[in-house]
Amino acid sequence: MAADEKKKAPEAGAVKTGGKAAAKPGTVKAKAAPAKRAPGTARKKETKPPAEAAPVEEIPVEAAPAEPELPTPRRSVAFIGSECYPFVKTGGLGDVMYALPRALVKQNCDVKVILPRYKCIPWEYQEKMVYRGAFQMDLCADGRSFYVGIMEYIRDGVVYDFIDNEEFFGWGNPYTNLVDDIPKYCYFAKAALAALNYMDWIPNIIHCHDWQAALVPVYLRTLFDATKLASARTVLTIHNLRFQGVYNIPTIRYWSGLPDYVFNKDALTVNWVDANMLKGGLTYTNAITTVSPSYAGEIQTPEYGESLDAHLRYHSGKLRGIVNGIDCDIWNPLTDRSLAFNYDASNALERKKENKRALQQELGLEADDGKFVIGLISRLTDQKGLDLVNAILPAVVDGNTQVVILGTGDARYEDSFRWYENAYRGSVCSCIMYDEARSHRIYAGADALLVPSRFEPCGLTQLNAMRYGTVPIVRETGGLRDTVEPYNMFTDTGCGFTFDRYDAGLLLDAINRAKTLYFESRPYWDGMVLRDMARDVSWDVSARQYRELYLQLT
């Protein structure tokens, strides 16, 4: 036994200080002990007999909260995608690329996000980027090479590396047309892997998103097969199967520089003459995820499979659905600076009325908190079920109901909703624009939110609505089915109103059921509002599922 092990251990709960046992942790003495007399000094004469020593009072001290234990083992993950809030965002992909990495950091993952350095990224972020290095990269089939620069930005424990190239990213918006986008994202997929090699940062998992990053698994298993990156496993997430990156084979073969053998019917080739970048990624990746379990099943059918249903059925063994969440720091009615009145579950029923009146005044609607206000926040496209809304809007506006529409998109929907605003002045407001702050105020001021989508991979608006105590009215498809439990009047359970078949009459019926509960059984409606606000719609549960997937792969 070692000499120090033979020494007598201090009593449990005591801390050794200067060879003596100190007081137990969590207490301090109220009175300090008198100082010792220095050697060679005379003792002072006492004029009074010493008083009886008072008992030492122990004052409890609150212990600091323990740090939560992080799950083990630790995993490193590289996210590769074409957009990310707050740098650039055109849809739900931007929200996922921002929120999921932050949630994974709390799950003991080391996360790096790789993005294009678009010119449209606000200068407030560009000026804080740090140069990490640059190199030339062979890209095209004829050996043509391009500059690859790496600029880094760190925020909330996540490292963002931006691929810099003026020729591909120095103009316009992220997405323009396939003629320009195909070369751009062939370059980006290869440059992202080359940048990881250059920085010598070898992740356990490379998580790719949508067709813009779908060539990453193909490059990894072909041109990067002899590098250290070959040890990484890949995950490819489908956010919307409708967009696949399809173009003629000679163009994609030239710009990608990929070997000829990947252009076959089981990998990139479709219709004999075209190459499909998403299909190639699905073939070569180790795991495929979609943004909800229902959508994972739907895309294996001809109705929703966008011509890839047979390919997805073949690869169904590596396909799973994980529902998206939302960032509950951004979407928080208690701290949201966009709202006229902040609130939480303790005062939501009253404060939502005040937010409703403020919204009505802002938009020129009749100011009456007794009206039933329906919000619709959406891209104005066929996918979102707006033909159903067009068909029933006159029947919805019955004198007790107001409708607020926010979004941009197809001209025919923009024009029709402007017409309804003119025809039903004071009851319909059509905001044909994108206004993030106004969307927050609609979530807070509306009673219900309409999401009648023809198909919806996941959907985030219904989650935002529930967070703000606004009851969703949705079609039972994709992620809407997975996140909105239909209201049951007999058991007083559920968090919204739903309809199944894509039919205008069924949508109107769902709206009328919601209005009936609102006007005739208000306590039950109020109970649903509070249930919705109490639901966990954060990324925490989803991040744990992604972490489990990463562990299975590694």
Protein backbone atom coordinates (compact mmCIF):
# COMPACT_ATOMS: atom_id res chain seq x y z
CA MET A 1 0.00 0.00 0.00
CA ALA A 2 1.33 3.50 -0.87
CA ALA A 3 2.44 5.70 2.00
CA ASP A 4 -0.27 8.31 1.47
CA GLU A 5 -2.96 5.60 1.38
CA LYS A 6 -1.98 4.58 4.95
CA LYS A 7 -2.85 8.02 6.29
CA LYS A 8 -6.13 8.24 8.09
CA ALA A 9 -8.82 9.62 5.82
CA PRO A 10 -10.83 12.62 7.04
CA GLU A 11 -14.33 12.00 8.25
CA ALA A 12 -17.03 11.84 5.60
CA GLY A 13 -18.33 15.28 4.71
CA ALA A 14 -15.19 17.08 5.94
CA VAL A 15 -12.60 18.81 3.77
CA LYS A 16 -8.92 18.79 4.87
CA THR A 17 -7.45 22.26 5.28
CA GLY A 18 -3.99 22.65 6.80
CA GLY A 19 -4.05 19.14 8.25
CA LYS A 20 -7.33 19.62 10.17
CA ALA A 21 -10.87 18.77 9.23
CA ALA A 22 -12.81 21.82 8.08
CA ALA A 23 -16.54 22.40 8.49
CA LYS A 24 -18.87 20.43 6.32
CA PRO A 25 -19.53 21.88 2.85
CA GLY A 26 -22.65 24.02 2.68
CA THR A 27 -21.95 25.92 5.97
CA VAL A 28 -19.85 28.92 7.00
CA LYS A 29 -19.09 30.17 10.49
CA ALA A 30 -20.61 33.48 11.39
CA LYS A 31 -17.73 34.43 13.73
CA ALA A 32 -14.04 34.15 12.86
CA ALA A 33 -11.60 32.65 15.37
CA PRO A 34 -9.26 35.19 17.17
CA ALA A 35 -5.77 35.60 15.70
CA LYS A 36 -2.86 33.85 17.47
CA ARG A 37 -0.37 35.93 19.57
CA ALA A 38 2.90 36.50 17.76
CA PRO A 39 6.00 34.95 19.38
CA GLY A 40 7.92 37.26 21.75
CA THR A 41 4.98 39.58 22.53
CA ALA A 42 3.50 40.02 25.98
CA ARG A 43 -0.03 38.99 26.72
CA LYS A 44 -2.30 41.99 27.36
CA LYS A 45 -3.70 42.34 30.85
CA GLU A 46 -7.37 41.52 31.00
CA THR A 47 -9.49 44.00 32.92
CA LYS A 48 -12.58 41.80 32.87
CA PRO A 49 -13.08 38.13 33.34
CA PRO A 50 -13.48 36.50 29.94
CA ALA A 51 -17.09 36.13 28.88
CA GLU A 52 -18.52 32.71 28.28
CA ALA A 53 -17.95 31.73 24.66
CA ALA A 54 -21.10 32.05 22.57
CA PRO A 55 -22.10 29.06 20.44
CA VAL A 56 -20.91 29.34 16.86
CA GLU A 57 -23.84 29.86 14.49
CA GLU A 58 -23.74 27.93 11.26
CA ILE A 59 -25.38 29.64 8.28
CA PRO A 60 -26.49 27.28 5.50
CA VAL A 61 -25.21 28.15 2.05
CA GLU A 62 -27.07 27.02 -1.05
CA ALA A 63 -24.99 24.62 -3.09
CA ALA A 64 -24.38 25.61 -6.71
CA PRO A 65 -26.56 23.64 -9.15
CA ALA A 66 -24.75 20.64 -10.54
CA GLU A 67 -23.87 20.66 -14.21
CA PRO A 68 -26.12 18.24 -16.14
CA GLU A 69 -24.33 15.11 -17.21
CA LEU A 70 -23.91 14.88 -20.96
CA PRO A 71 -24.60 11.60 -22.73
CA THR A 72 -21.60 9.57 -23.82
CA PRO A 73 -19.82 8.69 -26.02
CA ARG A 74 -19.13 12.00 -27.74
CA ARG A 75 -19.67 12.19 -31.50
CA SER A 76 -18.45 14.70 -34.09
CA VAL A 77 -20.87 15.72 -36.83
CA ALA A 78 -20.40 17.85 -39.96
CA PHE A 79 -23.62 19.38 -41.30
CA ILE A 80 -23.52 20.24 -45.01
CA GLY A 81 -26.39 22.23 -46.53
CA SER A 82 -27.23 25.17 -48.73
CA GLU A 83 -28.82 27.54 -46.19
CA CYS A 84 -28.90 28.27 -42.48
CA TYR A 85 -30.59 30.91 -40.35
CA PRO A 86 -29.59 33.68 -39.59
CA PHE A 87 -27.10 33.85 -42.46
CA VAL A 88 -29.42 32.87 -45.30
CA LYS A 89 -32.89 31.33 -45.17
CA THR A 90 -35.56 30.67 -47.79
CA GLY A 91 -37.57 27.94 -46.01
CA GLY A 92 -37.66 25.29 -43.30
CA LEU A 93 -34.23 23.91 -44.24
CA GLY A 94 -32.64 27.10 -42.93
CA ASP A 95 -34.38 26.65 -39.57
CA VAL A 96 -33.29 23.02 -39.26
CA MET A 97 -29.66 23.78 -40.16
CA TYR A 98 -29.64 26.36 -37.36
CA ALA A 99 -31.62 24.71 -34.58
CA LEU A 100 -30.61 21.03 -34.85
CA PRO A 101 -26.84 21.60 -34.51
CA ARG A 102 -27.44 23.76 -31.42
CA ALA A 103 -29.59 21.01 -29.90
CA LEU A 104 -26.93 18.39 -30.71
CA VAL A 105 -24.30 20.39 -28.85
CA LYS A 106 -26.41 19.83 -25.71
CA GLN A 107 -26.34 16.10 -26.56
CA ASN A 108 -22.52 16.07 -26.33
CA CYS A 109 -21.88 16.33 -30.06
CA ASP A 110 -19.08 18.34 -31.60
CA VAL A 111 -20.78 20.07 -34.52
CA LYS A 112 -19.46 21.93 -37.56
CA VAL A 113 -21.81 23.44 -40.17
CA ILE A 114 -20.52 23.94 -43.73
CA LEU A 115 -22.30 26.47 -45.95
CA PRO A 116 -21.69 28.47 -49.12
CA ARG A 117 -20.52 32.03 -48.50
CA TYR A 118 -23.24 33.77 -50.49
CA LYS A 119 -22.89 37.45 -51.21
CA CYS A 120 -26.38 38.00 -49.73
CA ILE A 121 -25.25 36.99 -46.21
CA PRO A 122 -25.61 40.15 -44.06
CA TRP A 123 -22.39 42.10 -43.49
CA GLU A 124 -22.82 41.91 -39.70
CA TYR A 125 -21.87 38.21 -40.02
CA GLN A 126 -19.43 38.53 -42.89
CA GLU A 127 -17.24 41.03 -41.05
CA LYS A 128 -16.83 38.61 -38.11
CA MET A 129 -15.71 35.67 -40.24
CA VAL A 130 -12.12 34.52 -39.75
CA TYR A 131 -9.98 33.31 -42.65
CA ARG A 132 -8.97 29.65 -42.16
CA GLY A 133 -7.13 28.96 -45.40
CA ALA A 134 -7.50 28.37 -49.15
CA PHE A 135 -6.46 25.92 -51.84
CA GLN A 136 -7.11 24.95 -55.45
CA MET A 137 -9.44 22.00 -56.13
CA ASP A 138 -9.83 19.92 -59.29
CA LEU A 139 -13.52 19.73 -60.14
CA CYS A 140 -14.49 19.18 -63.76
CA ALA A 141 -14.06 16.14 -65.95
CA ASP A 142 -11.40 17.96 -67.99
CA GLY A 143 -9.32 18.76 -64.89
CA ARG A 144 -10.46 22.37 -64.54
CA SER A 145 -9.76 23.61 -61.02
CA PHE A 146 -11.29 26.27 -58.80
CA TYR A 147 -10.34 28.31 -55.74
CA VAL A 148 -11.73 27.14 -52.38
CA GLY A 149 -11.57 29.58 -49.48
CA ILE A 150 -12.64 28.79 -45.90
CA MET A 151 -14.09 31.49 -43.64
CA GLU A 152 -15.11 30.59 -40.08
CA TYR A 153 -17.68 31.98 -37.67
CA ILE A 154 -18.50 30.58 -34.20
CA ARG A 155 -21.85 31.03 -32.46
CA ASP A 156 -23.51 29.21 -29.53
CA GLY A 157 -20.91 26.45 -29.48
CA VAL A 158 -21.36 25.66 -33.19
CA VAL A 159 -18.57 26.27 -35.73
CA TYR A 160 -19.76 27.58 -39.11
CA ASP A 161 -17.34 27.17 -42.01
CA PHE A 162 -18.25 29.06 -45.19
CA ILE A 163 -16.96 27.90 -48.58
CA ASP A 164 -15.79 31.00 -50.38
CA ASN A 165 -15.74 31.30 -54.17
CA GLU A 166 -16.68 34.50 -55.94
CA GLU A 167 -17.51 32.80 -59.24
CA PHE A 168 -20.19 30.51 -57.75
CA PHE A 169 -21.47 32.42 -54.71
CA GLY A 170 -20.62 36.07 -55.37
CA TRP A 171 -23.88 37.09 -56.98
CA GLY A 172 -27.64 36.95 -56.58
CA ASN A 173 -29.70 34.73 -54.30
CA PRO A 174 -28.87 31.16 -53.23
CA TYR A 175 -31.15 29.55 -55.82
CA THR A 176 -31.61 30.91 -59.32
CA ASN A 177 -32.15 28.24 -62.00
CA LEU A 178 -30.84 24.74 -62.64
CA VAL A 179 -28.46 25.91 -65.37
CA ASP A 180 -26.53 27.89 -62.75
CA ASP A 181 -27.39 25.82 -59.67
CA ILE A 182 -26.11 22.46 -60.97
CA PRO A 183 -22.46 23.61 -61.34
CA LYS A 184 -22.72 25.60 -58.09
CA TYR A 185 -23.76 22.65 -55.94
CA CYS A 186 -21.47 20.14 -57.67
CA TYR A 187 -18.66 22.47 -56.64
CA PHE A 188 -20.07 22.96 -53.12
CA ALA A 189 -20.44 19.22 -52.37
CA LYS A 190 -16.85 18.45 -53.36
CA ALA A 191 -15.43 21.62 -51.78
CA ALA A 192 -17.10 20.81 -48.43
CA LEU A 193 -15.29 17.46 -48.25
CA ALA A 194 -12.04 18.98 -49.48
CA ALA A 195 -12.29 21.66 -46.78
CA LEU A 196 -12.70 19.01 -44.06
CA ASN A 197 -9.60 17.27 -45.39
CA TYR A 198 -7.69 20.55 -45.54
CA MET A 199 -8.59 21.41 -41.91
CA ASP A 200 -7.86 17.80 -40.87
CA TRP A 201 -11.22 17.66 -39.11
CA ILE A 202 -12.49 14.10 -39.57
CA PRO A 203 -16.05 13.72 -38.25
CA ASN A 204 -17.78 10.52 -37.23
CA ILE A 205 -20.88 11.58 -39.19
CA ILE A 206 -21.40 13.75 -42.25
CA HIS A 207 -25.04 14.88 -42.27
CA CYS A 208 -26.17 16.17 -45.70
CA HIS A 209 -29.39 18.02 -46.48
CA ASP A 210 -31.48 17.93 -49.68
CA TRP A 211 -30.28 17.69 -53.26
CA GLN A 212 -27.82 20.58 -52.97
CA ALA A 213 -25.60 18.41 -50.74
CA ALA A 214 -26.66 15.01 -52.09
CA LEU A 215 -23.44 14.43 -54.07
CA VAL A 216 -21.43 14.43 -50.82
CA PRO A 217 -22.00 10.68 -50.15
CA VAL A 218 -21.20 9.95 -53.82
CA TYR A 219 -17.92 11.87 -53.68
CA LEU A 220 -17.05 10.30 -50.33
CA ARG A 221 -17.38 6.72 -51.65
CA THR A 222 -15.57 7.45 -54.93
CA LEU A 223 -13.05 10.29 -55.23
CA PHE A 224 -12.44 10.56 -51.44
CA ASP A 225 -12.38 6.82 -50.78
CA ALA A 226 -8.62 6.80 -50.13
CA THR A 227 -8.63 9.77 -47.71
CA LYS A 228 -9.05 9.85 -43.93
CA LEU A 229 -12.61 11.06 -44.47
CA ALA A 230 -13.56 7.61 -45.75
CA SER A 231 -14.04 6.52 -42.12
CA ALA A 232 -17.03 8.86 -41.76
CA ARG A 233 -20.61 7.64 -42.12
CA THR A 234 -23.18 9.70 -43.99
CA VAL A 235 -26.80 10.67 -43.34
CA LEU A 236 -28.91 12.31 -46.06
CA THR A 237 -32.07 14.13 -44.97
CA ILE A 238 -34.92 14.75 -47.41
CA HIS A 239 -36.71 17.97 -46.52
CA ASN A 240 -38.86 18.07 -49.65
CA LEU A 241 -38.69 15.28 -52.23
CA ARG A 242 -40.11 17.50 -54.96
CA PHE A 243 -36.69 19.11 -55.49
CA GLN A 244 -34.06 16.63 -56.70
CA GLY A 245 -31.41 18.32 -58.86
CA VAL A 246 -32.17 16.62 -62.19
CA TYR A 247 -30.28 17.61 -65.33
CA ASN A 248 -28.81 15.94 -68.40
CA ILE A 249 -26.02 13.41 -67.81
CA PRO A 250 -23.25 15.16 -69.82
CA THR A 251 -23.63 18.39 -67.82
CA ILE A 252 -23.55 16.73 -64.39
CA ARG A 253 -20.77 14.34 -65.49
CA TYR A 254 -18.65 17.31 -66.59
CA TRP A 255 -19.22 19.57 -63.58
CA SER A 256 -18.98 16.82 -60.96
CA GLY A 257 -15.96 15.01 -62.40
CA LEU A 258 -17.42 11.78 -61.00
CA PRO A 259 -16.42 8.44 -62.54
CA ASP A 260 -18.60 7.00 -65.28
CA TYR A 261 -19.71 3.99 -63.25
CA VAL A 262 -21.92 6.11 -60.94
CA PHE A 263 -24.06 7.10 -63.91
CA ASN A 264 -26.16 3.95 -63.99
CA LYS A 265 -29.83 3.20 -63.39
CA ASP A 266 -29.23 2.16 -59.77
CA ALA A 267 -27.40 5.39 -58.86
CA LEU A 268 -27.63 8.74 -60.66
CA THR A 269 -29.32 7.91 -63.96
CA VAL A 270 -33.05 8.48 -64.51
CA ASN A 271 -35.06 8.38 -67.74
CA TRP A 272 -31.96 7.04 -69.53
CA VAL A 273 -30.70 10.53 -70.41
CA ASP A 274 -30.79 12.50 -67.13
CA ALA A 275 -28.83 12.39 -63.89
CA ASN A 276 -30.57 12.87 -60.54
CA MET A 277 -28.25 14.21 -57.82
CA LEU A 278 -30.62 13.33 -54.97
CA LYS A 279 -31.07 9.77 -56.25
CA GLY A 280 -27.29 9.29 -56.33
CA GLY A 281 -27.02 10.48 -52.75
CA LEU A 282 -29.79 8.12 -51.63
CA THR A 283 -27.88 5.23 -53.20
CA TYR A 284 -24.51 5.94 -51.61
CA THR A 285 -25.49 7.27 -48.17
CA ASN A 286 -25.48 5.06 -45.07
CA ALA A 287 -28.81 6.34 -43.73
CA ILE A 288 -31.74 8.33 -45.08
CA THR A 289 -34.00 10.45 -42.91
CA THR A 290 -37.08 12.52 -43.60
CA VAL A 291 -38.63 15.13 -41.38
CA SER A 292 -41.55 13.04 -40.10
CA PRO A 293 -42.45 9.34 -39.84
CA SER A 294 -45.62 9.75 -41.92
CA TYR A 295 -43.73 11.44 -44.74
CA ALA A 296 -41.18 8.60 -44.68
CA GLY A 297 -44.03 6.24 -45.49
CA GLU A 298 -45.77 8.53 -47.97
CA ILE A 299 -42.72 9.04 -50.21
CA GLN A 300 -42.60 5.30 -50.84
CA THR A 301 -45.94 5.54 -52.67
CA PRO A 302 -46.53 6.68 -56.27
CA GLU A 303 -48.71 9.58 -55.08
CA TYR A 304 -45.98 11.26 -53.05
CA GLY A 305 -42.82 9.56 -54.31
CA GLU A 306 -42.07 12.09 -57.10
CA SER A 307 -40.96 9.17 -59.36
CA LEU A 308 -38.46 7.95 -56.72
CA ASP A 309 -40.93 5.77 -54.81
CA ALA A 310 -39.53 2.48 -56.16
CA HIS A 311 -35.98 3.61 -55.42
CA LEU A 312 -36.97 4.56 -51.87
CA ARG A 313 -38.78 1.27 -51.31
CA TYR A 314 -35.58 -0.53 -52.36
CA HIS A 315 -33.61 1.51 -49.79
CA SER A 316 -36.35 1.44 -47.13
CA GLY A 317 -34.09 -0.49 -44.75
CA LYS A 318 -32.02 2.63 -44.15
CA LEU A 319 -34.96 5.09 -44.20
CA ARG A 320 -36.58 6.57 -41.09
CA GLY A 321 -38.57 9.67 -40.16
CA ILE A 322 -37.73 12.06 -37.32
CA VAL A 323 -40.07 14.98 -36.67
CA ASN A 324 -38.59 18.46 -36.70
CA GLY A 325 -38.77 20.76 -33.72
CA ILE A 326 -38.56 24.54 -33.35
CA ASP A 327 -36.13 26.78 -31.52
CA CYS A 328 -38.05 27.66 -28.36
CA ASP A 329 -35.72 30.57 -27.58
CA ILE A 330 -36.70 32.33 -30.80
CA TRP A 331 -40.33 31.21 -30.63
CA ASN A 332 -41.19 32.23 -27.07
CA PRO A 333 -44.25 34.45 -26.46
CA LEU A 334 -42.87 35.48 -23.07
CA THR A 335 -39.72 37.10 -24.51
CA ASP A 336 -40.72 37.79 -28.14
CA ARG A 337 -39.94 41.46 -28.84
CA SER A 338 -42.21 41.48 -31.89
CA LEU A 339 -45.38 41.14 -29.80
CA ALA A 340 -47.52 43.95 -28.44
CA PHE A 341 -48.01 41.99 -25.20
CA ASN A 342 -45.82 39.17 -23.92
CA TYR A 343 -47.37 36.22 -22.15
CA ASP A 344 -47.01 32.65 -20.95
CA ALA A 345 -49.46 29.95 -19.92
CA SER A 346 -50.31 31.77 -16.66
CA ASN A 347 -51.88 34.75 -18.43
CA ALA A 348 -52.26 33.58 -22.04
CA LEU A 349 -56.06 33.67 -22.18
CA GLU A 350 -56.20 37.39 -21.38
CA ARG A 351 -53.04 38.48 -23.16
CA LYS A 352 -53.97 36.73 -26.41
CA LYS A 353 -57.11 38.92 -26.50
CA GLU A 354 -54.92 42.01 -26.16
CA ASN A 355 -52.62 40.77 -28.92
CA LYS A 356 -55.68 40.11 -31.08
CA ARG A 357 -56.89 43.69 -30.68
CA ALA A 358 -53.40 45.01 -31.47
CA LEU A 359 -53.24 42.81 -34.61
CA GLN A 360 -56.68 43.98 -35.77
CA GLN A 361 -55.65 47.62 -35.37
CA GLU A 362 -52.35 47.03 -37.17
CA LEU A 363 -54.02 45.37 -40.17
CA GLY A 364 -57.13 47.54 -40.46
CA LEU A 365 -59.58 44.84 -39.37
CA GLU A 366 -62.67 45.52 -37.30
CA ALA A 367 -61.38 45.77 -33.71
CA ASP A 368 -63.40 43.23 -31.75
CA ASP A 369 -61.82 40.59 -29.53
CA GLY A 370 -65.02 38.53 -29.83
CA LYS A 371 -64.25 37.75 -33.48
CA PHE A 372 -62.74 34.40 -34.42
CA VAL A 373 -59.44 35.22 -36.15
CA ILE A 374 -57.87 32.65 -38.51
CA GLY A 375 -54.27 33.11 -39.59
CA LEU A 376 -52.61 31.66 -42.70
CA ILE A 377 -48.81 32.03 -42.93
CA SER A 378 -47.47 30.24 -45.99
CA ARG A 379 -45.76 30.22 -49.33
CA LEU A 380 -48.59 30.82 -51.78
CA THR A 381 -48.23 27.67 -53.87
CA ASP A 382 -50.33 24.66 -54.85
CA GLN A 383 -48.53 22.46 -52.29
CA LYS A 384 -50.02 24.49 -49.44
CA GLY A 385 -53.64 23.72 -50.32
CA LEU A 386 -54.53 27.28 -51.25
CA ASP A 387 -56.95 26.20 -53.97
CA LEU A 388 -59.09 24.79 -51.13
CA VAL A 389 -58.88 28.09 -49.25
CA ASN A 390 -59.88 30.03 -52.37
CA ALA A 391 -62.93 27.82 -52.80
CA ILE A 392 -64.32 28.28 -49.27
CA LEU A 393 -63.21 31.75 -48.18
CA PRO A 394 -66.59 33.43 -48.84
CA ALA A 395 -68.29 30.80 -46.66
CA VAL A 396 -65.75 31.30 -43.85
CA VAL A 397 -66.23 35.07 -43.59
CA ASP A 398 -69.64 35.03 -41.91
CA GLY A 399 -69.58 38.24 -39.85
CA ASN A 400 -68.05 36.56 -36.82
CA THR A 401 -64.80 35.49 -38.48
CA GLN A 402 -61.72 37.33 -39.73
CA VAL A 403 -58.93 35.93 -41.91
CA VAL A 404 -55.32 37.14 -42.02
CA ILE A 405 -53.04 35.90 -44.84
CA LEU A 406 -49.26 36.43 -44.93
CA GLY A 407 -46.96 35.21 -47.68
CA THR A 408 -45.80 35.46 -51.28
CA GLY A 409 -45.80 33.03 -54.18
CA ASP A 410 -47.79 32.28 -57.31
CA ALA A 411 -49.36 35.35 -58.89
CA ARG A 412 -52.80 33.75 -59.16
CA TYR A 413 -52.97 33.26 -55.38
CA GLU A 414 -51.54 36.68 -54.63
CA ASP A 415 -54.16 38.28 -56.90
CA SER A 416 -57.08 36.25 -55.57
CA PHE A 417 -56.28 37.03 -51.93
CA ARG A 418 -55.93 40.73 -52.76
CA TRP A 419 -59.39 40.53 -54.33
CA TYR A 420 -60.83 38.94 -51.19
CA GLU A 421 -59.32 41.72 -49.08
CA ASN A 422 -61.08 44.34 -51.23
CA ALA A 423 -64.34 42.40 -51.28
CA TYR A 424 -64.42 41.78 -47.51
CA ARG A 425 -62.82 44.96 -46.21
CA GLY A 426 -62.45 44.78 -42.41
CA SER A 427 -62.80 41.00 -42.33
CA VAL A 428 -59.94 39.84 -44.59
CA CYS A 429 -56.39 41.16 -44.68
CA SER A 430 -53.94 39.85 -47.31
CA CYS A 431 -50.32 40.76 -46.56
CA ILE A 432 -48.58 39.75 -49.80
CA MET A 433 -45.06 39.98 -48.39
CA TYR A 434 -42.54 38.20 -46.18
CA ASP A 435 -42.42 39.84 -42.75
CA GLU A 436 -40.91 37.76 -39.95
CA ALA A 437 -41.99 40.12 -37.15
CA ARG A 438 -45.57 40.28 -38.44
CA SER A 439 -45.73 36.48 -38.59
CA HIS A 440 -44.95 36.40 -34.86
CA ARG A 441 -47.76 38.85 -34.17
CA ILE A 442 -50.19 36.75 -36.21
CA TYR A 443 -49.25 33.66 -34.20
CA ALA A 444 -49.92 35.59 -30.99
CA GLY A 445 -53.09 37.39 -32.09
CA ALA A 446 -54.92 34.70 -34.09
CA ASP A 447 -57.21 32.12 -32.51
CA ALA A 448 -56.49 29.41 -35.11
CA LEU A 449 -53.90 28.75 -37.81
CA LEU A 450 -54.80 27.15 -41.14
CA VAL A 451 -52.44 24.57 -42.72
CA PRO A 452 -54.47 22.67 -45.39
CA SER A 453 -51.47 21.36 -47.34
CA ARG A 454 -51.76 18.93 -50.23
CA PHE A 455 -48.57 17.37 -48.81
CA GLU A 456 -46.31 18.53 -46.00
CA PRO A 457 -43.03 16.75 -45.14
CA CYS A 458 -43.09 18.17 -41.63
CA GLY A 459 -44.30 21.73 -41.35
CA LEU A 460 -43.18 24.23 -38.73
CA THR A 461 -46.05 26.70 -38.71
CA GLN A 462 -48.32 24.37 -36.73
CA LEU A 463 -45.56 23.95 -34.11
CA ASN A 464 -45.06 27.72 -33.88
CA ALA A 465 -48.82 28.16 -33.52
CA MET A 466 -49.09 25.70 -30.63
CA ARG A 467 -46.15 27.38 -28.88
CA TYR A 468 -48.14 30.65 -29.02
CA GLY A 469 -51.45 29.09 -27.95
CA THR A 470 -53.01 29.26 -31.41
CA VAL A 471 -55.01 26.16 -32.36
CA PRO A 472 -53.94 24.52 -35.67
CA ILE A 473 -56.47 23.43 -38.31
CA VAL A 474 -54.58 21.03 -40.60
CA ARG A 475 -54.90 18.29 -43.17
CA GLU A 476 -53.78 14.84 -42.01
CA THR A 477 -50.66 14.45 -44.13
CA GLY A 478 -46.95 14.07 -43.42
CA GLY A 479 -45.71 15.88 -40.35
CA LEU A 480 -49.08 17.54 -39.79
CA ARG A 481 -50.55 14.13 -38.98
CA ASP A 482 -47.64 13.35 -36.65
CA THR A 483 -47.76 16.58 -34.66
CA VAL A 484 -51.45 17.56 -34.45
CA GLU A 485 -53.70 15.24 -32.46
CA PRO A 486 -57.33 15.83 -33.53
CA TYR A 487 -59.69 17.20 -30.90
CA ASN A 488 -62.03 14.64 -29.33
CA MET A 489 -65.14 16.29 -27.87
CA PHE A 490 -66.08 13.22 -25.81
CA THR A 491 -62.77 12.97 -23.95
CA ASP A 492 -61.76 16.65 -24.27
CA THR A 493 -58.34 15.70 -25.64
CA GLY A 494 -56.31 16.74 -28.65
CA CYS A 495 -54.53 19.87 -29.78
CA GLY A 496 -56.23 20.90 -33.04
CA PHE A 497 -58.74 20.16 -35.78
CA THR A 498 -57.99 17.95 -38.76
CA PHE A 499 -59.45 16.62 -42.00
CA ASP A 500 -58.20 13.71 -44.08
CA ARG A 501 -59.07 13.77 -47.81
CA TYR A 502 -57.94 16.73 -49.91
CA ASP A 503 -61.39 18.28 -50.26
CA ALA A 504 -62.66 21.85 -49.82
CA GLY A 505 -65.84 20.70 -48.07
CA LEU A 506 -63.85 18.78 -45.46
CA LEU A 507 -61.65 21.83 -44.83
CA LEU A 508 -64.74 23.99 -44.29
CA ASP A 509 -66.15 21.36 -41.93
CA ALA A 510 -62.94 21.41 -39.84
CA ILE A 511 -63.08 25.21 -39.61
CA ASN A 512 -66.74 25.10 -38.57
CA ARG A 513 -66.03 22.52 -35.88
CA ALA A 514 -63.33 24.81 -34.51
CA LYS A 515 -65.67 27.82 -34.55
CA THR A 516 -68.44 25.85 -32.83
CA LEU A 517 -66.15 24.93 -29.95
CA TYR A 518 -64.82 28.49 -29.74
CA PHE A 519 -68.23 30.19 -29.57
CA GLU A 520 -70.34 27.57 -27.76
CA SER A 521 -67.90 25.77 -25.44
CA ARG A 522 -65.26 28.37 -24.67
CA PRO A 523 -63.85 26.69 -21.53
CA TYR A 524 -62.97 23.60 -23.61
CA TRP A 525 -61.34 25.82 -26.24
CA ASP A 526 -59.33 27.61 -23.56
CA GLY A 527 -58.22 24.27 -22.16
CA MET A 528 -56.90 23.27 -25.59
CA VAL A 529 -54.99 26.57 -25.85
CA LEU A 530 -53.19 25.84 -22.59
CA ARG A 531 -52.54 22.20 -23.57
CA ASP A 532 -50.95 23.37 -26.81
CA MET A 533 -48.68 25.79 -25.00
CA ALA A 534 -47.58 23.01 -22.63
CA ARG A 535 -46.55 20.64 -25.46
CA ASP A 536 -42.85 20.02 -25.97
CA VAL A 537 -42.25 21.16 -29.54
CA SER A 538 -38.52 21.81 -29.02
CA TRP A 539 -35.64 20.07 -30.77
CA ASP A 540 -34.63 18.15 -27.63
CA VAL A 541 -36.51 14.92 -28.39
CA SER A 542 -35.55 14.97 -32.08
CA ALA A 543 -31.89 15.69 -31.28
CA ARG A 544 -31.78 12.62 -29.02
CA GLN A 545 -33.20 10.51 -31.87
CA TYR A 546 -30.57 11.83 -34.28
CA ARG A 547 -27.84 11.12 -31.75
CA GLU A 548 -29.08 7.54 -31.37
CA LEU A 549 -28.95 7.19 -35.17
CA TYR A 550 -25.37 8.50 -35.23
CA LEU A 551 -24.37 5.96 -32.57
CA GLN A 552 -25.97 3.12 -34.51
CA LEU A 553 -24.00 4.08 -37.61
CA THR A 554 -20.67 4.38 -35.80
